[in-house]
Amino acid sequence: LLSEGHVLIEGIPGVAKTTIAKAFSRAIGLSFSRIQLTPD
């Protein structure tokens, strides 16, 4: 965030990837959106 870069998180389902992202964005007071990517 401070370097104005982007992050790729790799992990199996259920290890709190989404929870971490939401909590992180909330703590730094920024707007947040989630895109569930699918083939269509």
ModelCIF file with pLDDT and N, C-alpha, C, O atoms, coordinates in Angstrom:
data_MODEL
#
_entry.id   MODEL 
#
_entity.id                         1 
_entity.type                       polymer 
_entity.pdbx_number_of_molecules   1 
#
_entity_poly.entity_id                      1 
_entity_poly.type                           'polypeptide(L)' 
_entity_poly.nstd_linkage                   no 
_entity_poly.nstd_monomer                   no 
_entity_poly.pdbx_seq_one_letter_code       LLSEGHVLIEGIPGVAKTTIAKAFSRAIGLSFSRIQLTPD 
_entity_poly.pdbx_seq_one_letter_code_can   LLSEGHVLIEGIPGVAKTTIAKAFSRAIGLSFSRIQLTPD 
_entity_poly.pdbx_strand_id                 A 
#
loop_
_entity_poly_seq.entity_id 
_entity_poly_seq.num 
_entity_poly_seq.mon_id 
_entity_poly_seq.hetero 
1 1  LEU n 
1 2  LEU n 
1 3  SER n 
1 4  GLU n 
1 5  GLY n 
1 6  HIS n 
1 7  VAL n 
1 8  LEU n 
1 9  ILE n 
1 10 GLU n 
1 11 GLY n 
1 12 ILE n 
1 13 PRO n 
1 14 GLY n 
1 15 VAL n 
1 16 ALA n 
1 17 LYS n 
1 18 THR n 
1 19 THR n 
1 20 ILE n 
1 21 ALA n 
1 22 LYS n 
1 23 ALA n 
1 24 PHE n 
1 25 SER n 
1 26 ARG n 
1 27 ALA n 
1 28 ILE n 
1 29 GLY n 
1 30 LEU n 
1 31 SER n 
1 32 PHE n 
1 33 SER n 
1 34 ARG n 
1 35 ILE n 
1 36 GLN n 
1 37 LEU n 
1 38 THR n 
1 39 PRO n 
1 40 ASP n 
#
_struct_asym.id          A 
_struct_asym.entity_id   1 
#
loop_
_ma_qa_metric.id 
_ma_qa_metric.mode 
_ma_qa_metric.name 
_ma_qa_metric.software_group_id 
_ma_qa_metric.type 
1 global pLDDT . pLDDT 
2 local  pLDDT . pLDDT 
#
_ma_qa_metric_global.metric_id      1 
_ma_qa_metric_global.metric_value   86.90 
_ma_qa_metric_global.model_id       1 
_ma_qa_metric_global.ordinal_id     1 
#
loop_
_ma_qa_metric_local.label_asym_id 
_ma_qa_metric_local.label_comp_id 
_ma_qa_metric_local.label_seq_id 
_ma_qa_metric_local.metric_id 
_ma_qa_metric_local.metric_value 
_ma_qa_metric_local.model_id 
_ma_qa_metric_local.ordinal_id 
A LEU 1  2 94.00 1 1  
A LEU 2  2 95.00 1 2  
A SER 3  2 94.00 1 3  
A GLU 4  2 92.00 1 4  
A GLY 5  2 91.00 1 5  
A HIS 6  2 93.00 1 6  
A VAL 7  2 93.00 1 7  
A LEU 8  2 92.00 1 8  
A ILE 9  2 90.00 1 9  
A GLU 10 2 86.00 1 10 
A GLY 11 2 81.00 1 11 
A ILE 12 2 78.00 1 12 
A PRO 13 2 75.00 1 13 
A GLY 14 2 77.00 1 14 
A VAL 15 2 76.00 1 15 
A ALA 16 2 76.00 1 16 
A LYS 17 2 80.00 1 17 
A THR 18 2 82.00 1 18 
A THR 19 2 84.00 1 19 
A ILE 20 2 87.00 1 20 
A ALA 21 2 86.00 1 21 
A LYS 22 2 86.00 1 22 
A ALA 23 2 89.00 1 23 
A PHE 24 2 90.00 1 24 
A SER 25 2 88.00 1 25 
A ARG 26 2 89.00 1 26 
A ALA 27 2 91.00 1 27 
A ILE 28 2 89.00 1 28 
A GLY 29 2 88.00 1 29 
A LEU 30 2 88.00 1 30 
A SER 31 2 88.00 1 31 
A PHE 32 2 89.00 1 32 
A SER 33 2 90.00 1 33 
A ARG 34 2 90.00 1 34 
A ILE 35 2 90.00 1 35 
A GLN 36 2 88.00 1 36 
A LEU 37 2 86.00 1 37 
A THR 38 2 85.00 1 38 
A PRO 39 2 85.00 1 39 
A ASP 40 2 85.00 1 40 
#
loop_
_atom_site.group_PDB 
_atom_site.id 
_atom_site.type_symbol 
_atom_site.label_atom_id 
_atom_site.label_alt_id 
_atom_site.label_comp_id 
_atom_site.label_asym_id 
_atom_site.label_entity_id 
_atom_site.label_seq_id 
_atom_site.pdbx_PDB_ins_code 
_atom_site.Cartn_x 
_atom_site.Cartn_y 
_atom_site.Cartn_z 
_atom_site.occupancy 
_atom_site.B_iso_or_equiv 
_atom_site.pdbx_formal_charge 
_atom_site.auth_seq_id 
_atom_site.auth_comp_id 
_atom_site.auth_asym_id 
_atom_site.auth_atom_id 
_atom_site.pdbx_PDB_model_num 
ATOM 1   N N  . LEU A 1 1  ? 0.824   -1.205  0.000   1.00 94.00 ? 1  LEU A N  1 
ATOM 2   C CA . LEU A 1 1  ? 0.000   0.000   0.000   1.00 94.00 ? 1  LEU A CA 1 
ATOM 3   C C  . LEU A 1 1  ? 0.860   1.259   0.000   1.00 94.00 ? 1  LEU A C  1 
ATOM 4   O O  . LEU A 1 1  ? 0.637   2.164   -0.804  1.00 94.00 ? 1  LEU A O  1 
ATOM 5   N N  . LEU A 1 2  ? 1.837   1.320   0.893   1.00 95.00 ? 2  LEU A N  1 
ATOM 6   C CA . LEU A 1 2  ? 2.690   2.508   1.003   1.00 95.00 ? 2  LEU A CA 1 
ATOM 7   C C  . LEU A 1 2  ? 3.610   2.667   -0.200  1.00 95.00 ? 2  LEU A C  1 
ATOM 8   O O  . LEU A 1 2  ? 4.072   3.770   -0.492  1.00 95.00 ? 2  LEU A O  1 
ATOM 9   N N  . SER A 1 3  ? 3.875   1.562   -0.900  1.00 94.00 ? 3  SER A N  1 
ATOM 10  C CA . SER A 1 3  ? 4.719   1.596   -2.103  1.00 94.00 ? 3  SER A CA 1 
ATOM 11  C C  . SER A 1 3  ? 3.886   1.800   -3.359  1.00 94.00 ? 3  SER A C  1 
ATOM 12  O O  . SER A 1 3  ? 4.434   1.908   -4.455  1.00 94.00 ? 3  SER A O  1 
ATOM 13  N N  . GLU A 1 4  ? 2.560   1.854   -3.209  1.00 92.00 ? 4  GLU A N  1 
ATOM 14  C CA . GLU A 1 4  ? 1.625   1.978   -4.332  1.00 92.00 ? 4  GLU A CA 1 
ATOM 15  C C  . GLU A 1 4  ? 1.797   0.815   -5.309  1.00 92.00 ? 4  GLU A C  1 
ATOM 16  O O  . GLU A 1 4  ? 1.811   0.989   -6.528  1.00 92.00 ? 4  GLU A O  1 
ATOM 17  N N  . GLY A 1 5  ? 1.928   -0.381  -4.721  1.00 91.00 ? 5  GLY A N  1 
ATOM 18  C CA . GLY A 1 5  ? 2.012   -1.602  -5.517  1.00 91.00 ? 5  GLY A CA 1 
ATOM 19  C C  . GLY A 1 5  ? 0.755   -2.444  -5.333  1.00 91.00 ? 5  GLY A C  1 
ATOM 20  O O  . GLY A 1 5  ? -0.228  -1.985  -4.751  1.00 91.00 ? 5  GLY A O  1 
ATOM 21  N N  . HIS A 1 6  ? 0.791   -3.689  -5.837  1.00 93.00 ? 6  HIS A N  1 
ATOM 22  C CA . HIS A 1 6  ? -0.359  -4.581  -5.757  1.00 93.00 ? 6  HIS A CA 1 
ATOM 23  C C  . HIS A 1 6  ? 0.090   -5.945  -5.267  1.00 93.00 ? 6  HIS A C  1 
ATOM 24  O O  . HIS A 1 6  ? 1.272   -6.283  -5.333  1.00 93.00 ? 6  HIS A O  1 
ATOM 25  N N  . VAL A 1 7  ? -0.864  -6.727  -4.775  1.00 93.00 ? 7  VAL A N  1 
ATOM 26  C CA . VAL A 1 7  ? -0.540  -7.971  -4.086  1.00 93.00 ? 7  VAL A CA 1 
ATOM 27  C C  . VAL A 1 7  ? -1.311  -9.145  -4.671  1.00 93.00 ? 7  VAL A C  1 
ATOM 28  O O  . VAL A 1 7  ? -2.500  -9.036  -4.970  1.00 93.00 ? 7  VAL A O  1 
ATOM 29  N N  . LEU A 1 8  ? -0.620  -10.264 -4.830  1.00 92.00 ? 8  LEU A N  1 
ATOM 30  C CA . LEU A 1 8  ? -1.242  -11.531 -5.210  1.00 92.00 ? 8  LEU A CA 1 
ATOM 31  C C  . LEU A 1 8  ? -1.147  -12.461 -4.008  1.00 92.00 ? 8  LEU A C  1 
ATOM 32  O O  . LEU A 1 8  ? -0.052  -12.771 -3.539  1.00 92.00 ? 8  LEU A O  1 
ATOM 33  N N  . ILE A 1 9  ? -2.305  -12.905 -3.508  1.00 90.00 ? 9  ILE A N  1 
ATOM 34  C CA . ILE A 1 9  ? -2.339  -13.811 -2.357  1.00 90.00 ? 9  ILE A CA 1 
ATOM 35  C C  . ILE A 1 9  ? -2.728  -15.203 -2.834  1.00 90.00 ? 9  ILE A C  1 
ATOM 36  O O  . ILE A 1 9  ? -3.758  -15.389 -3.481  1.00 90.00 ? 9  ILE A O  1 
ATOM 37  N N  . GLU A 1 10 ? -1.891  -16.170 -2.504  1.00 86.00 ? 10 GLU A N  1 
ATOM 38  C CA . GLU A 1 10 ? -2.164  -17.560 -2.885  1.00 86.00 ? 10 GLU A CA 1 
ATOM 39  C C  . GLU A 1 10 ? -2.441  -18.374 -1.634  1.00 86.00 ? 10 GLU A C  1 
ATOM 40  O O  . GLU A 1 10 ? -1.662  -18.356 -0.681  1.00 86.00 ? 10 GLU A O  1 
ATOM 41  N N  . GLY A 1 11 ? -3.551  -19.082 -1.648  1.00 81.00 ? 11 GLY A N  1 
ATOM 42  C CA . GLY A 1 11 ? -3.898  -19.901 -0.497  1.00 81.00 ? 11 GLY A CA 1 
ATOM 43  C C  . GLY A 1 11 ? -5.174  -20.672 -0.754  1.00 81.00 ? 11 GLY A C  1 
ATOM 44  O O  . GLY A 1 11 ? -6.008  -20.255 -1.557  1.00 81.00 ? 11 GLY A O  1 
ATOM 45  N N  . ILE A 1 12 ? -5.327  -21.790 -0.078  1.00 78.00 ? 12 ILE A N  1 
ATOM 46  C CA . ILE A 1 12 ? -6.513  -22.618 -0.248  1.00 78.00 ? 12 ILE A CA 1 
ATOM 47  C C  . ILE A 1 12 ? -7.718  -21.897 0.363   1.00 78.00 ? 12 ILE A C  1 
ATOM 48  O O  . ILE A 1 12 ? -7.540  -20.976 1.160   1.00 78.00 ? 12 ILE A O  1 
ATOM 49  N N  . PRO A 1 13 ? -8.943  -22.300 0.001   1.00 75.00 ? 13 PRO A N  1 
ATOM 50  C CA . PRO A 1 13 ? -10.130 -21.669 0.599   1.00 75.00 ? 13 PRO A CA 1 
ATOM 51  C C  . PRO A 1 13 ? -10.157 -21.851 2.113   1.00 75.00 ? 13 PRO A C  1 
ATOM 52  O O  . PRO A 1 13 ? -9.749  -22.887 2.639   1.00 75.00 ? 13 PRO A O  1 
ATOM 53  N N  . GLY A 1 14 ? -10.645 -20.823 2.800   1.00 77.00 ? 14 GLY A N  1 
ATOM 54  C CA . GLY A 1 14 ? -10.850 -20.935 4.235   1.00 77.00 ? 14 GLY A CA 1 
ATOM 55  C C  . GLY A 1 14 ? -9.703  -20.486 5.109   1.00 77.00 ? 14 GLY A C  1 
ATOM 56  O O  . GLY A 1 14 ? -9.721  -20.721 6.317   1.00 77.00 ? 14 GLY A O  1 
ATOM 57  N N  . VAL A 1 15 ? -8.676  -19.826 4.513   1.00 76.00 ? 15 VAL A N  1 
ATOM 58  C CA . VAL A 1 15 ? -7.551  -19.361 5.331   1.00 76.00 ? 15 VAL A CA 1 
ATOM 59  C C  . VAL A 1 15 ? -7.611  -17.853 5.570   1.00 76.00 ? 15 VAL A C  1 
ATOM 60  O O  . VAL A 1 15 ? -6.601  -17.229 5.896   1.00 76.00 ? 15 VAL A O  1 
ATOM 61  N N  . ALA A 1 16 ? -8.793  -17.277 5.406   1.00 76.00 ? 16 ALA A N  1 
ATOM 62  C CA . ALA A 1 16 ? -9.088  -15.881 5.777   1.00 76.00 ? 16 ALA A CA 1 
ATOM 63  C C  . ALA A 1 16 ? -8.539  -14.843 4.811   1.00 76.00 ? 16 ALA A C  1 
ATOM 64  O O  . ALA A 1 16 ? -8.252  -13.717 5.219   1.00 76.00 ? 16 ALA A O  1 
ATOM 65  N N  . LYS A 1 17 ? -8.386  -15.200 3.530   1.00 80.00 ? 17 LYS A N  1 
ATOM 66  C CA . LYS A 1 17 ? -7.879  -14.221 2.558   1.00 80.00 ? 17 LYS A CA 1 
ATOM 67  C C  . LYS A 1 17 ? -8.826  -13.018 2.448   1.00 80.00 ? 17 LYS A C  1 
ATOM 68  O O  . LYS A 1 17 ? -8.391  -11.868 2.516   1.00 80.00 ? 17 LYS A O  1 
ATOM 69  N N  . THR A 1 18 ? -10.116 -13.297 2.278   1.00 82.00 ? 18 THR A N  1 
ATOM 70  C CA . THR A 1 18 ? -11.090 -12.219 2.134   1.00 82.00 ? 18 THR A CA 1 
ATOM 71  C C  . THR A 1 18 ? -11.253 -11.436 3.431   1.00 82.00 ? 18 THR A C  1 
ATOM 72  O O  . THR A 1 18 ? -11.354 -10.210 3.406   1.00 82.00 ? 18 THR A O  1 
ATOM 73  N N  . THR A 1 19 ? -11.281 -12.129 4.554   1.00 84.00 ? 19 THR A N  1 
ATOM 74  C CA . THR A 1 19 ? -11.424 -11.470 5.856   1.00 84.00 ? 19 THR A CA 1 
ATOM 75  C C  . THR A 1 19 ? -10.275 -10.506 6.095   1.00 84.00 ? 19 THR A C  1 
ATOM 76  O O  . THR A 1 19 ? -10.485 -9.390  6.571   1.00 84.00 ? 19 THR A O  1 
ATOM 77  N N  . ILE A 1 20 ? -9.062  -10.930 5.767   1.00 87.00 ? 20 ILE A N  1 
ATOM 78  C CA . ILE A 1 20 ? -7.888  -10.066 5.952   1.00 87.00 ? 20 ILE A CA 1 
ATOM 79  C C  . ILE A 1 20 ? -8.004  -8.820  5.086   1.00 87.00 ? 20 ILE A C  1 
ATOM 80  O O  . ILE A 1 20 ? -7.757  -7.709  5.556   1.00 87.00 ? 20 ILE A O  1 
ATOM 81  N N  . ALA A 1 21 ? -8.382  -9.002  3.815   1.00 86.00 ? 21 ALA A N  1 
ATOM 82  C CA . ALA A 1 21 ? -8.484  -7.862  2.896   1.00 86.00 ? 21 ALA A CA 1 
ATOM 83  C C  . ALA A 1 21 ? -9.528  -6.858  3.375   1.00 86.00 ? 21 ALA A C  1 
ATOM 84  O O  . ALA A 1 21 ? -9.289  -5.651  3.339   1.00 86.00 ? 21 ALA A O  1 
ATOM 85  N N  . LYS A 1 22 ? -10.685 -7.349  3.823   1.00 86.00 ? 22 LYS A N  1 
ATOM 86  C CA . LYS A 1 22 ? -11.743 -6.460  4.310   1.00 86.00 ? 22 LYS A CA 1 
ATOM 87  C C  . LYS A 1 22 ? -11.315 -5.724  5.573   1.00 86.00 ? 22 LYS A C  1 
ATOM 88  O O  . LYS A 1 22 ? -11.510 -4.514  5.689   1.00 86.00 ? 22 LYS A O  1 
ATOM 89  N N  . ALA A 1 23 ? -10.733 -6.452  6.517   1.00 89.00 ? 23 ALA A N  1 
ATOM 90  C CA . ALA A 1 23 ? -10.311 -5.829  7.772   1.00 89.00 ? 23 ALA A CA 1 
ATOM 91  C C  . ALA A 1 23 ? -9.206  -4.808  7.529   1.00 89.00 ? 23 ALA A C  1 
ATOM 92  O O  . ALA A 1 23 ? -9.182  -3.750  8.158   1.00 89.00 ? 23 ALA A O  1 
ATOM 93  N N  . PHE A 1 24 ? -8.303  -5.123  6.628   1.00 90.00 ? 24 PHE A N  1 
ATOM 94  C CA . PHE A 1 24 ? -7.203  -4.215  6.312   1.00 90.00 ? 24 PHE A CA 1 
ATOM 95  C C  . PHE A 1 24 ? -7.728  -2.912  5.721   1.00 90.00 ? 24 PHE A C  1 
ATOM 96  O O  . PHE A 1 24 ? -7.331  -1.827  6.147   1.00 90.00 ? 24 PHE A O  1 
ATOM 97  N N  . SER A 1 25 ? -8.626  -3.022  4.735   1.00 88.00 ? 25 SER A N  1 
ATOM 98  C CA . SER A 1 25 ? -9.154  -1.812  4.094   1.00 88.00 ? 25 SER A CA 1 
ATOM 99  C C  . SER A 1 25 ? -9.970  -0.982  5.082   1.00 88.00 ? 25 SER A C  1 
ATOM 100 O O  . SER A 1 25 ? -9.953  0.248   5.023   1.00 88.00 ? 25 SER A O  1 
ATOM 101 N N  . ARG A 1 26 ? -10.681 -1.646  5.986   1.00 89.00 ? 26 ARG A N  1 
ATOM 102 C CA . ARG A 1 26 ? -11.468 -0.927  6.986   1.00 89.00 ? 26 ARG A CA 1 
ATOM 103 C C  . ARG A 1 26 ? -10.557 -0.176  7.960   1.00 89.00 ? 26 ARG A C  1 
ATOM 104 O O  . ARG A 1 26 ? -10.846 0.961   8.333   1.00 89.00 ? 26 ARG A O  1 
ATOM 105 N N  . ALA A 1 27 ? -9.467  -0.808  8.366   1.00 91.00 ? 27 ALA A N  1 
ATOM 106 C CA . ALA A 1 27 ? -8.566  -0.194  9.342   1.00 91.00 ? 27 ALA A CA 1 
ATOM 107 C C  . ALA A 1 27 ? -7.867  1.037   8.789   1.00 91.00 ? 27 ALA A C  1 
ATOM 108 O O  . ALA A 1 27 ? -7.536  1.953   9.542   1.00 91.00 ? 27 ALA A O  1 
ATOM 109 N N  . ILE A 1 28 ? -7.637  1.068   7.480   1.00 89.00 ? 28 ILE A N  1 
ATOM 110 C CA . ILE A 1 28 ? -6.963  2.238   6.902   1.00 89.00 ? 28 ILE A CA 1 
ATOM 111 C C  . ILE A 1 28 ? -7.977  3.229   6.318   1.00 89.00 ? 28 ILE A C  1 
ATOM 112 O O  . ILE A 1 28 ? -7.597  4.195   5.657   1.00 89.00 ? 28 ILE A O  1 
ATOM 113 N N  . GLY A 1 29 ? -9.268  2.982   6.567   1.00 88.00 ? 29 GLY A N  1 
ATOM 114 C CA . GLY A 1 29 ? -10.301 3.941   6.223   1.00 88.00 ? 29 GLY A CA 1 
ATOM 115 C C  . GLY A 1 29 ? -10.516 4.159   4.742   1.00 88.00 ? 29 GLY A C  1 
ATOM 116 O O  . GLY A 1 29 ? -10.883 5.259   4.328   1.00 88.00 ? 29 GLY A O  1 
ATOM 117 N N  . LEU A 1 30 ? -10.295 3.138   3.938   1.00 88.00 ? 30 LEU A N  1 
ATOM 118 C CA . LEU A 1 30 ? -10.428 3.283   2.492   1.00 88.00 ? 30 LEU A CA 1 
ATOM 119 C C  . LEU A 1 30 ? -11.657 2.544   1.974   1.00 88.00 ? 30 LEU A C  1 
ATOM 120 O O  . LEU A 1 30 ? -12.142 1.600   2.598   1.00 88.00 ? 30 LEU A O  1 
ATOM 121 N N  . SER A 1 31 ? -12.148 2.992   0.823   1.00 88.00 ? 31 SER A N  1 
ATOM 122 C CA . SER A 1 31 ? -13.276 2.310   0.187   1.00 88.00 ? 31 SER A CA 1 
ATOM 123 C C  . SER A 1 31 ? -12.832 0.941   -0.307  1.00 88.00 ? 31 SER A C  1 
ATOM 124 O O  . SER A 1 31 ? -11.686 0.752   -0.714  1.00 88.00 ? 31 SER A O  1 
ATOM 125 N N  . PHE A 1 32 ? -13.758 -0.010  -0.265  1.00 89.00 ? 32 PHE A N  1 
ATOM 126 C CA . PHE A 1 32 ? -13.425 -1.407  -0.583  1.00 89.00 ? 32 PHE A CA 1 
ATOM 127 C C  . PHE A 1 32 ? -14.472 -1.979  -1.528  1.00 89.00 ? 32 PHE A C  1 
ATOM 128 O O  . PHE A 1 32 ? -15.668 -1.727  -1.377  1.00 89.00 ? 32 PHE A O  1 
ATOM 129 N N  . SER A 1 33 ? -14.009 -2.753  -2.503  1.00 90.00 ? 33 SER A N  1 
ATOM 130 C CA . SER A 1 33 ? -14.950 -3.492  -3.360  1.00 90.00 ? 33 SER A CA 1 
ATOM 131 C C  . SER A 1 33 ? -14.379 -4.872  -3.637  1.00 90.00 ? 33 SER A C  1 
ATOM 132 O O  . SER A 1 33 ? -13.166 -5.073  -3.681  1.00 90.00 ? 33 SER A O  1 
ATOM 133 N N  . ARG A 1 34 ? -15.286 -5.809  -3.821  1.00 90.00 ? 34 ARG A N  1 
ATOM 134 C CA . ARG A 1 34 ? -14.877 -7.192  -4.097  1.00 90.00 ? 34 ARG A CA 1 
ATOM 135 C C  . ARG A 1 34 ? -15.421 -7.616  -5.443  1.00 90.00 ? 34 ARG A C  1 
ATOM 136 O O  . ARG A 1 34 ? -16.604 -7.436  -5.731  1.00 90.00 ? 34 ARG A O  1 
ATOM 137 N N  . ILE A 1 35 ? -14.555 -8.179  -6.266  1.00 90.00 ? 35 ILE A N  1 
ATOM 138 C CA . ILE A 1 35 ? -14.956 -8.702  -7.567  1.00 90.00 ? 35 ILE A CA 1 
ATOM 139 C C  . ILE A 1 35 ? -14.756 -10.213 -7.542  1.00 90.00 ? 35 ILE A C  1 
ATOM 140 O O  . ILE A 1 35 ? -13.626 -10.693 -7.456  1.00 90.00 ? 35 ILE A O  1 
ATOM 141 N N  . GLN A 1 36 ? -15.847 -10.955 -7.616  1.00 88.00 ? 36 GLN A N  1 
ATOM 142 C CA . GLN A 1 36 ? -15.748 -12.417 -7.671  1.00 88.00 ? 36 GLN A CA 1 
ATOM 143 C C  . GLN A 1 36 ? -15.565 -12.808 -9.127  1.00 88.00 ? 36 GLN A C  1 
ATOM 144 O O  . GLN A 1 36 ? -16.512 -12.774 -9.913  1.00 88.00 ? 36 GLN A O  1 
ATOM 145 N N  . LEU A 1 37 ? -14.353 -13.177 -9.478  1.00 86.00 ? 37 LEU A N  1 
ATOM 146 C CA . LEU A 1 37 ? -14.052 -13.454 -10.882 1.00 86.00 ? 37 LEU A CA 1 
ATOM 147 C C  . LEU A 1 37 ? -14.525 -14.846 -11.270 1.00 86.00 ? 37 LEU A C  1 
ATOM 148 O O  . LEU A 1 37 ? -14.284 -15.823 -10.562 1.00 86.00 ? 37 LEU A O  1 
ATOM 149 N N  . THR A 1 38 ? -15.209 -14.916 -12.420 1.00 85.00 ? 38 THR A N  1 
ATOM 150 C CA . THR A 1 38 ? -15.741 -16.166 -12.938 1.00 85.00 ? 38 THR A CA 1 
ATOM 151 C C  . THR A 1 38 ? -15.470 -16.220 -14.441 1.00 85.00 ? 38 THR A C  1 
ATOM 152 O O  . THR A 1 38 ? -15.167 -15.189 -15.042 1.00 85.00 ? 38 THR A O  1 
ATOM 153 N N  . PRO A 1 39 ? -15.573 -17.406 -15.064 1.00 85.00 ? 39 PRO A N  1 
ATOM 154 C CA . PRO A 1 39 ? -15.280 -17.512 -16.502 1.00 85.00 ? 39 PRO A CA 1 
ATOM 155 C C  . PRO A 1 39 ? -16.165 -16.653 -17.396 1.00 85.00 ? 39 PRO A C  1 
ATOM 156 O O  . PRO A 1 39 ? -15.751 -16.280 -18.493 1.00 85.00 ? 39 PRO A O  1 
ATOM 157 N N  . ASP A 1 40 ? -17.386 -16.331 -16.943 1.00 85.00 ? 40 ASP A N  1 
ATOM 158 C CA . ASP A 1 40 ? -18.291 -15.556 -17.793 1.00 85.00 ? 40 ASP A CA 1 
ATOM 159 C C  . ASP A 1 40 ? -18.221 -14.053 -17.527 1.00 85.00 ? 40 ASP A C  1 
ATOM 160 O O  . ASP A 1 40 ? -18.929 -13.278 -18.170 1.00 85.00 ? 40 ASP A O  1 
#
